[in-house]
Amino acid sequence: MADFAGGKIEAFVGPAELGAADRLEDRIVEFIEGATSSLDIAVQELDSEPIAQAILDARYRGVSVRMVLEQDYLLTSKVPKAVPRDGEDEAAARRRVQWNDETGSRSLEANRRILAALLRCAVDVKADYNPEIFHQKFIIRDFRERALPTSAILSGSANFTHTDCHTNLNHLVVFHDTRICREYLGEFIQMRAGDFGRGAHGKVPRAYNVGGVPVKVLFAPDHTPELEIMKQMLKATERVDFAIFTFAGSSGIDDAMIALAAAGRVVTGAMDPGQGAQKWAATRDLDQARIELYFPRRGNGFRKLHHKLMVIDDSVVIAGSFNYTAPANQYNDENIFVLGSPYPGLPAREGGPVDPAACAELAGYFRTEIQRIERAGERVRLAAHV
């Protein structure tokens, strides 16, 4: 963990099992354990029993808990086949698949078991009905009717799952600022009312000054985060570093990177080897533009590079749940947060006055993690450069 902006921003990179600094599951549990009044949780998937246990224990402390989950991780898409086994007739086989736990690597039984426990302990759980992906990952702590000393918001790239906390590379950020809590609470209330996917654009996102660091929160699809990312990239005077799970050639962000590289900026990044090898990925075009790309090496417990992370010069960090794809921008429920600015003269309404040293400290922290992943990975070389 690292503290920034006078302790108002905390950052975590993990998992420790893959050489990163933090045990992400422990950090999520600790955040939940700090709740005294309320928890509002929006997350794509929950299968981590320690995190679920922390939520259940919070209920027993009298904490009010509301949740929104992605139903695709709870609902089986097809009625299971009832193939009789030795000694079974057709009726017995049907009853077995209807009532018994699933098995196999794609089983959702852990998710459903946790859901049953949450419902049994009076946790208010809703599931999305957006045909696209509900991709949020955030917790609002102790912020509903009024602010409390423990009010905070946790967000990042990690789902509340065993894989994301132990075998996938991810990040989390905590904001101890009620204005940031209010931005996320508005989104949470909208989702609980059943408003998923594209709707009204709503108010224009604004930046808040958090200890000298401008912080702006955007929600997809209404705020079209891709445009914000490209806008921030255009501020680069030296370099752009990134670590991303899914990077599609149709995103527009790849075009911006190629233009920056042609203009003499250093652009380099780490990508997930599975997603980066797909035909639709931006990998080949970026490589042809002489942008340095790295894949983490498979093995040693590594499963996925799941970050959605970018660092621009020594001044701006962009993080959250947003992959660089057209569906993430146009359809999915996502969030990003932009931290920092290269402009010390910003007016207060735009998140100023800016503390360049505080912004640089944040940028340096996340760039160090990206570079650690690159050093431990393999350089991607697809094009024949001349």
Protein backbone atom coordinates (compact mmCIF):
# COMPACT_ATOMS: atom_id res chain seq x y z
CA MET A 1 0.00 0.00 0.00
CA ALA A 2 0.99 3.59 -0.59
CA ASP A 3 -0.61 6.78 0.74
CA PHE A 4 -0.94 9.91 -1.38
CA ALA A 5 -2.45 13.38 -1.14
CA GLY A 6 -1.99 13.59 2.60
CA GLY A 7 -3.53 10.17 3.18
CA LYS A 8 -6.71 10.98 1.25
CA ILE A 9 -5.81 8.54 -1.53
CA GLU A 10 -4.54 4.99 -0.99
CA ALA A 11 -3.30 2.78 -3.83
CA PHE A 12 -2.76 -0.97 -3.96
CA VAL A 13 -1.23 -3.21 -6.64
CA GLY A 14 -1.38 -6.96 -6.52
CA PRO A 15 -1.34 -9.78 -6.06
CA ALA A 16 1.60 -10.47 -3.79
CA GLU A 17 1.71 -14.02 -5.17
CA LEU A 18 2.86 -12.56 -8.50
CA GLY A 19 5.46 -10.23 -7.01
CA ALA A 20 3.32 -7.12 -6.54
CA ALA A 21 3.17 -5.19 -3.31
CA ASP A 22 -0.27 -6.01 -1.92
CA ARG A 23 -2.63 -8.80 -0.93
CA LEU A 24 -5.73 -7.44 -2.60
CA GLU A 25 -8.23 -9.75 -0.92
CA ASP A 26 -6.96 -8.64 2.51
CA ARG A 27 -7.24 -4.98 1.51
CA ILE A 28 -10.87 -5.41 0.38
CA VAL A 29 -11.71 -7.27 3.58
CA GLU A 30 -10.09 -4.55 5.71
CA PHE A 31 -12.04 -1.87 3.86
CA ILE A 32 -15.30 -3.69 4.56
CA GLU A 33 -14.32 -4.28 8.19
CA GLY A 34 -14.00 -0.49 8.59
CA ALA A 35 -17.71 0.04 7.91
CA THR A 36 -19.82 1.32 10.80
CA SER A 37 -23.08 2.25 9.08
CA SER A 38 -23.48 1.24 5.44
CA LEU A 39 -21.95 -0.55 2.46
CA ASP A 40 -23.10 -0.07 -1.12
CA ILE A 41 -21.34 -2.63 -3.32
CA ALA A 42 -21.42 -2.88 -7.11
CA VAL A 43 -19.28 -5.67 -8.53
CA GLN A 44 -19.35 -7.90 -11.57
CA GLU A 45 -18.53 -11.06 -9.66
CA LEU A 46 -18.19 -12.22 -6.06
CA ASP A 47 -16.85 -15.69 -5.38
CA SER A 48 -14.25 -14.89 -2.68
CA GLU A 49 -15.41 -16.42 0.59
CA PRO A 50 -13.22 -14.15 2.78
CA ILE A 51 -14.78 -11.06 1.16
CA ALA A 52 -18.26 -12.54 1.44
CA GLN A 53 -17.59 -13.38 5.09
CA ALA A 54 -16.57 -9.79 5.77
CA ILE A 55 -19.86 -8.61 4.24
CA LEU A 56 -21.86 -11.09 6.34
CA ASP A 57 -19.98 -10.05 9.49
CA ALA A 58 -20.74 -6.40 8.71
CA ARG A 59 -24.46 -7.26 8.70
CA TYR A 60 -24.06 -8.83 12.13
CA ARG A 61 -22.51 -5.55 13.33
CA GLY A 62 -25.67 -3.79 12.17
CA VAL A 63 -24.22 -2.38 8.94
CA SER A 64 -26.80 -1.87 6.18
CA VAL A 65 -25.61 -3.59 2.98
CA ARG A 66 -26.92 -3.12 -0.55
CA MET A 67 -25.40 -4.89 -3.55
CA VAL A 68 -25.66 -5.06 -7.33
CA LEU A 69 -24.12 -8.05 -9.15
CA GLU A 70 -23.80 -9.23 -12.77
CA GLN A 71 -26.47 -11.91 -13.23
CA ASP A 72 -24.38 -13.76 -15.83
CA TYR A 73 -22.20 -14.99 -12.96
CA LEU A 74 -25.26 -16.33 -11.10
CA LEU A 75 -27.47 -17.70 -13.87
CA THR A 76 -26.74 -20.75 -15.99
CA SER A 77 -27.48 -19.90 -19.61
CA LYS A 78 -28.99 -23.29 -20.54
CA VAL A 79 -30.99 -25.95 -18.74
CA PRO A 80 -28.42 -28.62 -17.79
CA LYS A 81 -28.61 -31.96 -19.58
CA ALA A 82 -29.84 -34.87 -17.50
CA VAL A 83 -27.80 -37.87 -18.64
CA PRO A 84 -28.50 -40.92 -16.46
CA ARG A 85 -25.55 -42.46 -14.65
CA ASP A 86 -25.22 -46.08 -13.58
CA GLY A 87 -28.20 -46.97 -11.44
CA GLU A 88 -30.18 -43.84 -12.34
CA ASP A 89 -33.38 -43.58 -14.29
CA GLU A 90 -34.27 -40.46 -16.25
CA ALA A 91 -36.21 -38.90 -13.36
CA ALA A 92 -33.30 -39.39 -10.93
CA ALA A 93 -30.83 -37.87 -13.40
CA ARG A 94 -33.08 -34.88 -13.92
CA ARG A 95 -33.45 -34.32 -10.18
CA ARG A 96 -29.67 -34.59 -9.70
CA VAL A 97 -28.85 -31.85 -12.21
CA GLN A 98 -31.71 -29.68 -10.93
CA TRP A 99 -30.74 -29.79 -7.27
CA ASN A 100 -27.09 -30.80 -6.98
CA ASP A 101 -24.03 -28.57 -7.25
CA GLU A 102 -22.34 -28.10 -10.59
CA THR A 103 -18.82 -29.30 -11.09
CA GLY A 104 -16.04 -28.24 -13.41
CA SER A 105 -13.92 -25.15 -14.00
CA ARG A 106 -16.88 -23.04 -15.20
CA SER A 107 -19.10 -23.84 -12.23
CA LEU A 108 -20.94 -20.91 -10.66
CA GLU A 109 -21.77 -22.77 -7.46
CA ALA A 110 -19.42 -20.68 -5.32
CA ASN A 111 -21.18 -17.51 -6.52
CA ARG A 112 -24.63 -18.97 -5.89
CA ARG A 113 -23.66 -20.32 -2.48
CA ILE A 114 -22.46 -16.86 -1.48
CA LEU A 115 -25.62 -15.27 -2.88
CA ALA A 116 -27.75 -17.61 -0.76
CA ALA A 117 -25.78 -16.67 2.36
CA LEU A 118 -26.15 -12.96 1.60
CA LEU A 119 -29.91 -13.28 1.14
CA ARG A 120 -30.17 -15.42 4.28
CA CYS A 121 -28.48 -12.61 6.27
CA ALA A 122 -30.74 -9.81 4.97
CA VAL A 123 -28.33 -8.31 2.45
CA ASP A 124 -30.29 -6.41 -0.22
CA VAL A 125 -28.95 -7.96 -3.46
CA LYS A 126 -30.04 -7.05 -6.97
CA ALA A 127 -28.75 -8.29 -10.32
CA ASP A 128 -28.46 -6.28 -13.50
CA TYR A 129 -30.63 -6.94 -16.50
CA ASN A 130 -28.46 -5.16 -19.03
CA PRO A 131 -27.82 -7.51 -21.99
CA GLU A 132 -24.30 -6.09 -22.12
CA ILE A 133 -21.73 -6.41 -19.33
CA PHE A 134 -22.20 -5.01 -15.84
CA HIS A 135 -18.49 -4.44 -15.23
CA GLN A 136 -18.37 -2.24 -12.12
CA LYS A 137 -16.05 -2.93 -9.19
CA PHE A 138 -16.61 -0.52 -6.28
CA ILE A 139 -17.66 -0.22 -2.64
CA ILE A 140 -19.03 2.93 -1.03
CA ARG A 141 -18.51 2.84 2.72
CA ASP A 142 -20.51 4.81 5.29
CA PHE A 143 -21.95 7.42 2.93
CA ARG A 144 -25.69 7.69 2.49
CA GLU A 145 -27.71 10.31 4.32
CA ARG A 146 -24.62 12.00 5.72
CA ALA A 147 -20.85 11.85 5.78
CA LEU A 148 -19.05 9.98 8.52
CA PRO A 149 -15.38 9.91 9.57
CA THR A 150 -15.18 6.45 7.96
CA SER A 151 -16.75 7.50 4.63
CA ALA A 152 -14.66 6.24 1.69
CA ILE A 153 -14.90 4.68 -1.76
CA LEU A 154 -12.87 1.70 -3.05
CA SER A 155 -12.63 1.00 -6.77
CA GLY A 156 -10.22 -0.41 -9.34
CA SER A 157 -9.78 -3.29 -11.76
CA ALA A 158 -10.26 -6.24 -9.39
CA ASN A 159 -13.43 -8.28 -9.11
CA PHE A 160 -14.07 -9.76 -5.69
CA THR A 161 -12.93 -13.21 -6.76
CA HIS A 162 -10.18 -15.63 -5.85
CA THR A 163 -8.59 -15.32 -9.29
CA ASP A 164 -8.57 -11.52 -9.39
CA CYS A 165 -7.14 -11.35 -5.88
CA HIS A 166 -4.54 -14.12 -6.19
CA THR A 167 -3.70 -15.03 -9.80
CA ASN A 168 -4.56 -11.94 -11.90
CA LEU A 169 -2.60 -8.67 -11.92
CA ASN A 170 -4.88 -5.88 -10.62
CA HIS A 171 -5.07 -2.58 -8.76
CA LEU A 172 -7.32 -0.91 -6.18
CA VAL A 173 -7.62 2.74 -5.13
CA VAL A 174 -9.36 4.14 -2.04
CA PHE A 175 -10.55 7.75 -1.82
CA HIS A 176 -11.22 9.26 1.60
CA ASP A 177 -13.28 12.11 0.19
CA THR A 178 -17.05 12.48 0.44
CA ARG A 179 -17.31 14.29 -2.90
CA ILE A 180 -15.92 11.24 -4.67
CA CYS A 181 -18.25 9.05 -2.59
CA ARG A 182 -21.17 11.18 -3.79
CA GLU A 183 -20.25 10.63 -7.44
CA TYR A 184 -20.26 6.86 -6.99
CA LEU A 185 -23.42 6.90 -4.86
CA GLY A 186 -25.29 8.63 -7.67
CA GLU A 187 -24.28 5.84 -10.04
CA PHE A 188 -25.21 3.18 -7.50
CA ILE A 189 -28.67 4.64 -6.94
CA GLN A 190 -29.21 4.76 -10.70
CA MET A 191 -28.32 1.08 -11.06
CA ARG A 192 -30.51 0.02 -8.13
CA ALA A 193 -33.40 1.77 -9.86
CA GLY A 194 -32.82 -0.54 -12.83
CA ASP A 195 -31.10 1.96 -15.10
CA PHE A 196 -28.27 0.00 -16.72
CA GLY A 197 -26.35 0.63 -19.91
CA ARG A 198 -26.83 3.76 -22.01
CA GLY A 199 -29.25 6.33 -20.68
CA ALA A 200 -29.29 10.06 -20.10
CA HIS A 201 -25.86 11.67 -20.24
CA GLY A 202 -26.44 13.38 -16.91
CA LYS A 203 -24.28 16.14 -15.57
CA VAL A 204 -20.84 16.80 -16.99
CA PRO A 205 -18.18 15.10 -14.82
CA ARG A 206 -16.15 17.58 -12.81
CA ALA A 207 -12.78 17.39 -11.14
CA TYR A 208 -12.36 17.68 -7.37
CA ASN A 209 -9.19 18.73 -5.61
CA VAL A 210 -8.07 15.94 -3.29
CA GLY A 211 -4.93 17.04 -1.47
CA GLY A 212 -3.59 18.85 -4.54
CA VAL A 213 -4.55 16.03 -6.93
CA PRO A 214 -7.48 16.68 -9.30
CA VAL A 215 -9.80 13.66 -9.34
CA LYS A 216 -12.46 13.17 -12.02
CA VAL A 217 -14.83 10.19 -12.11
CA LEU A 218 -16.60 9.04 -15.29
CA PHE A 219 -19.12 6.27 -15.85
CA ALA A 220 -19.62 4.35 -19.07
CA PRO A 221 -21.46 4.34 -21.32
CA ASP A 222 -23.00 7.74 -20.53
CA HIS A 223 -19.74 9.68 -20.15
CA THR A 224 -17.87 7.98 -23.05
CA PRO A 225 -14.62 7.44 -21.09
CA GLU A 226 -12.66 6.66 -24.25
CA LEU A 227 -12.81 10.31 -25.26
CA GLU A 228 -11.56 11.34 -21.81
CA ILE A 229 -8.65 8.90 -22.04
CA MET A 230 -7.68 10.20 -25.47
CA LYS A 231 -7.97 13.80 -24.23
CA GLN A 232 -5.62 13.06 -21.34
CA MET A 233 -3.17 11.26 -23.64
CA LEU A 234 -2.89 14.39 -25.78
CA LYS A 235 -1.37 16.14 -22.76
CA ALA A 236 1.68 13.87 -22.95
CA THR A 237 4.92 15.70 -23.64
CA GLU A 238 7.25 12.78 -22.88
CA ARG A 239 5.69 9.35 -22.36
CA VAL A 240 2.65 7.13 -21.91
CA ASP A 241 2.84 3.83 -20.01
CA PHE A 242 -0.05 1.39 -19.78
CA ALA A 243 -1.10 -2.04 -18.54
CA ILE A 244 -4.36 -3.33 -20.02
CA PHE A 245 -6.33 -6.57 -20.13
CA THR A 246 -8.32 -6.10 -23.36
CA PHE A 247 -7.15 -3.65 -26.04
CA ALA A 248 -9.15 -3.74 -29.27
CA GLY A 249 -7.99 -2.22 -32.52
CA SER A 250 -11.39 -0.55 -32.81
CA SER A 251 -11.03 1.47 -29.62
CA GLY A 252 -9.57 4.73 -30.90
CA ILE A 253 -7.04 4.69 -28.07
CA ASP A 254 -4.68 2.70 -30.29
CA ASP A 255 -4.87 5.43 -32.95
CA ALA A 256 -4.02 8.05 -30.34
CA MET A 257 -1.02 6.00 -29.17
CA ILE A 258 0.25 5.56 -32.72
CA ALA A 259 -0.04 9.31 -33.31
CA LEU A 260 1.82 10.06 -30.06
CA ALA A 261 4.61 7.65 -30.98
CA ALA A 262 4.91 9.29 -34.41
CA ALA A 263 5.19 12.65 -32.63
CA GLY A 264 8.19 11.44 -30.63
CA ARG A 265 6.53 10.44 -27.37
CA VAL A 266 7.68 7.23 -25.71
CA VAL A 267 4.74 4.80 -25.59
CA THR A 268 5.13 1.42 -23.93
CA GLY A 269 2.86 -1.04 -22.21
CA ALA A 270 2.01 -4.48 -20.91
CA MET A 271 -0.92 -6.48 -22.27
CA ASP A 272 -2.58 -9.74 -21.37
CA PRO A 273 -1.07 -12.50 -23.55
CA GLY A 274 -4.39 -14.22 -24.16
CA GLN A 275 -6.33 -11.11 -25.14
CA GLY A 276 -3.37 -9.52 -26.89
CA ALA A 277 -3.00 -12.49 -29.24
CA GLN A 278 -6.52 -12.16 -30.64
CA LYS A 279 -6.99 -11.09 -34.27
CA TRP A 280 -9.10 -8.08 -33.23
CA ALA A 281 -6.50 -6.84 -30.74
CA ALA A 282 -4.48 -3.67 -31.31
CA THR A 283 -1.22 -5.55 -30.73
CA ARG A 284 0.01 -5.80 -34.32
CA ASP A 285 -0.75 -2.17 -35.22
CA LEU A 286 0.96 -0.92 -32.06
CA ASP A 287 3.98 -3.10 -32.71
CA GLN A 288 4.23 -1.86 -36.29
CA ALA A 289 4.28 1.68 -34.90
CA ARG A 290 7.38 0.69 -32.87
CA ILE A 291 5.50 0.88 -29.59
CA GLU A 292 7.17 -1.42 -27.05
CA LEU A 293 4.74 -4.10 -25.86
CA TYR A 294 5.22 -6.82 -23.27
CA PHE A 295 3.32 -9.98 -22.34
CA PRO A 296 3.71 -11.46 -18.84
CA ARG A 297 5.20 -14.94 -18.95
CA ARG A 298 2.75 -17.75 -18.35
CA GLY A 299 3.27 -20.05 -15.40
CA ASN A 300 4.25 -19.50 -11.76
CA GLY A 301 0.63 -18.90 -10.80
CA PHE A 302 -0.03 -16.15 -13.36
CA ARG A 303 -3.44 -16.28 -15.06
CA LYS A 304 -4.29 -12.84 -16.50
CA LEU A 305 -3.03 -9.29 -16.65
CA HIS A 306 -6.32 -7.64 -15.61
CA HIS A 307 -5.23 -4.01 -15.10
CA LYS A 308 -6.93 -1.11 -16.86
CA LEU A 309 -4.18 1.38 -16.11
CA MET A 310 -2.42 4.26 -17.84
CA VAL A 311 0.21 6.76 -16.69
CA ILE A 312 0.85 9.96 -18.66
CA ASP A 313 4.16 11.76 -18.06
CA ASP A 314 4.69 12.42 -14.35
CA SER A 315 1.28 13.96 -13.89
CA VAL A 316 -1.78 11.84 -14.76
CA VAL A 317 -3.05 8.35 -13.85
CA ILE A 318 -6.14 6.78 -15.41
CA ALA A 319 -7.49 3.65 -13.73
CA GLY A 320 -10.69 1.76 -12.95
CA SER A 321 -12.72 -0.97 -14.65
CA PHE A 322 -12.62 0.25 -18.26
CA ASN A 323 -10.95 -1.91 -20.94
CA TYR A 324 -9.94 -0.28 -24.23
CA THR A 325 -12.79 -1.67 -26.33
CA ALA A 326 -15.79 -0.32 -28.21
CA PRO A 327 -18.34 -2.27 -26.08
CA ALA A 328 -16.82 -0.90 -22.87
CA ASN A 329 -17.26 2.61 -24.21
CA GLN A 330 -20.67 2.18 -25.83
CA TYR A 331 -22.63 -0.40 -23.83
CA ASN A 332 -21.07 -1.71 -20.64
CA ASP A 333 -21.50 -0.33 -17.13
CA GLU A 334 -17.98 0.84 -16.23
CA ASN A 335 -16.12 3.48 -14.25
CA ILE A 336 -12.80 5.26 -14.60
CA PHE A 337 -11.06 7.84 -12.48
CA VAL A 338 -8.53 10.37 -13.72
CA LEU A 339 -5.96 11.43 -11.12
CA GLY A 340 -3.70 14.43 -11.53
CA SER A 341 -2.95 17.16 -14.05
CA PRO A 342 0.12 18.69 -15.71
CA TYR A 343 -1.29 22.21 -15.25
CA PRO A 344 -0.52 23.83 -11.85
CA GLY A 345 -2.60 26.90 -12.81
CA LEU A 346 -5.93 25.08 -12.97
CA PRO A 347 -8.84 26.99 -11.39
CA ALA A 348 -10.61 25.43 -8.44
CA ARG A 349 -13.62 24.42 -10.57
CA GLU A 350 -11.30 22.16 -12.60
CA GLY A 351 -9.66 20.53 -9.60
CA GLY A 352 -6.96 23.12 -8.90
CA PRO A 353 -4.75 24.29 -7.40
CA VAL A 354 -2.55 21.39 -8.50
CA ASP A 355 0.33 20.05 -6.43
CA PRO A 356 2.75 18.75 -9.12
CA ALA A 357 4.75 16.76 -6.58
CA ALA A 358 1.65 14.94 -5.32
CA CYS A 359 0.61 14.11 -8.89
CA ALA A 360 4.11 12.92 -9.74
CA GLU A 361 4.19 10.67 -6.68
CA LEU A 362 1.01 8.91 -7.79
CA ALA A 363 2.22 8.61 -11.38
CA GLY A 364 5.56 7.22 -10.23
CA TYR A 365 3.93 4.60 -8.04
CA PHE A 366 1.81 3.13 -10.83
CA ARG A 367 4.53 3.48 -13.48
CA THR A 368 6.87 1.50 -11.25
CA GLU A 369 4.35 -1.37 -11.18
CA ILE A 370 3.87 -1.28 -14.96
CA GLN A 371 7.64 -1.38 -15.47
CA ARG A 372 7.96 -4.25 -12.99
CA ILE A 373 5.46 -6.25 -15.05
CA GLU A 374 7.33 -5.40 -18.25
CA ARG A 375 10.72 -6.44 -16.84
CA ALA A 376 9.29 -9.78 -15.76
CA GLY A 377 7.59 -10.31 -19.12
CA GLU A 378 8.52 -10.93 -22.74
CA ARG A 379 8.88 -8.30 -25.45
CA VAL A 380 6.27 -8.69 -28.19
CA ARG A 381 7.76 -8.62 -31.68
CA LEU A 382 5.31 -9.25 -34.50
CA ALA A 383 6.33 -6.81 -37.23
CA ALA A 384 9.44 -6.86 -39.39
CA HIS A 385 10.75 -3.36 -38.68
CA VAL A 386 12.91 -1.74 -41.33
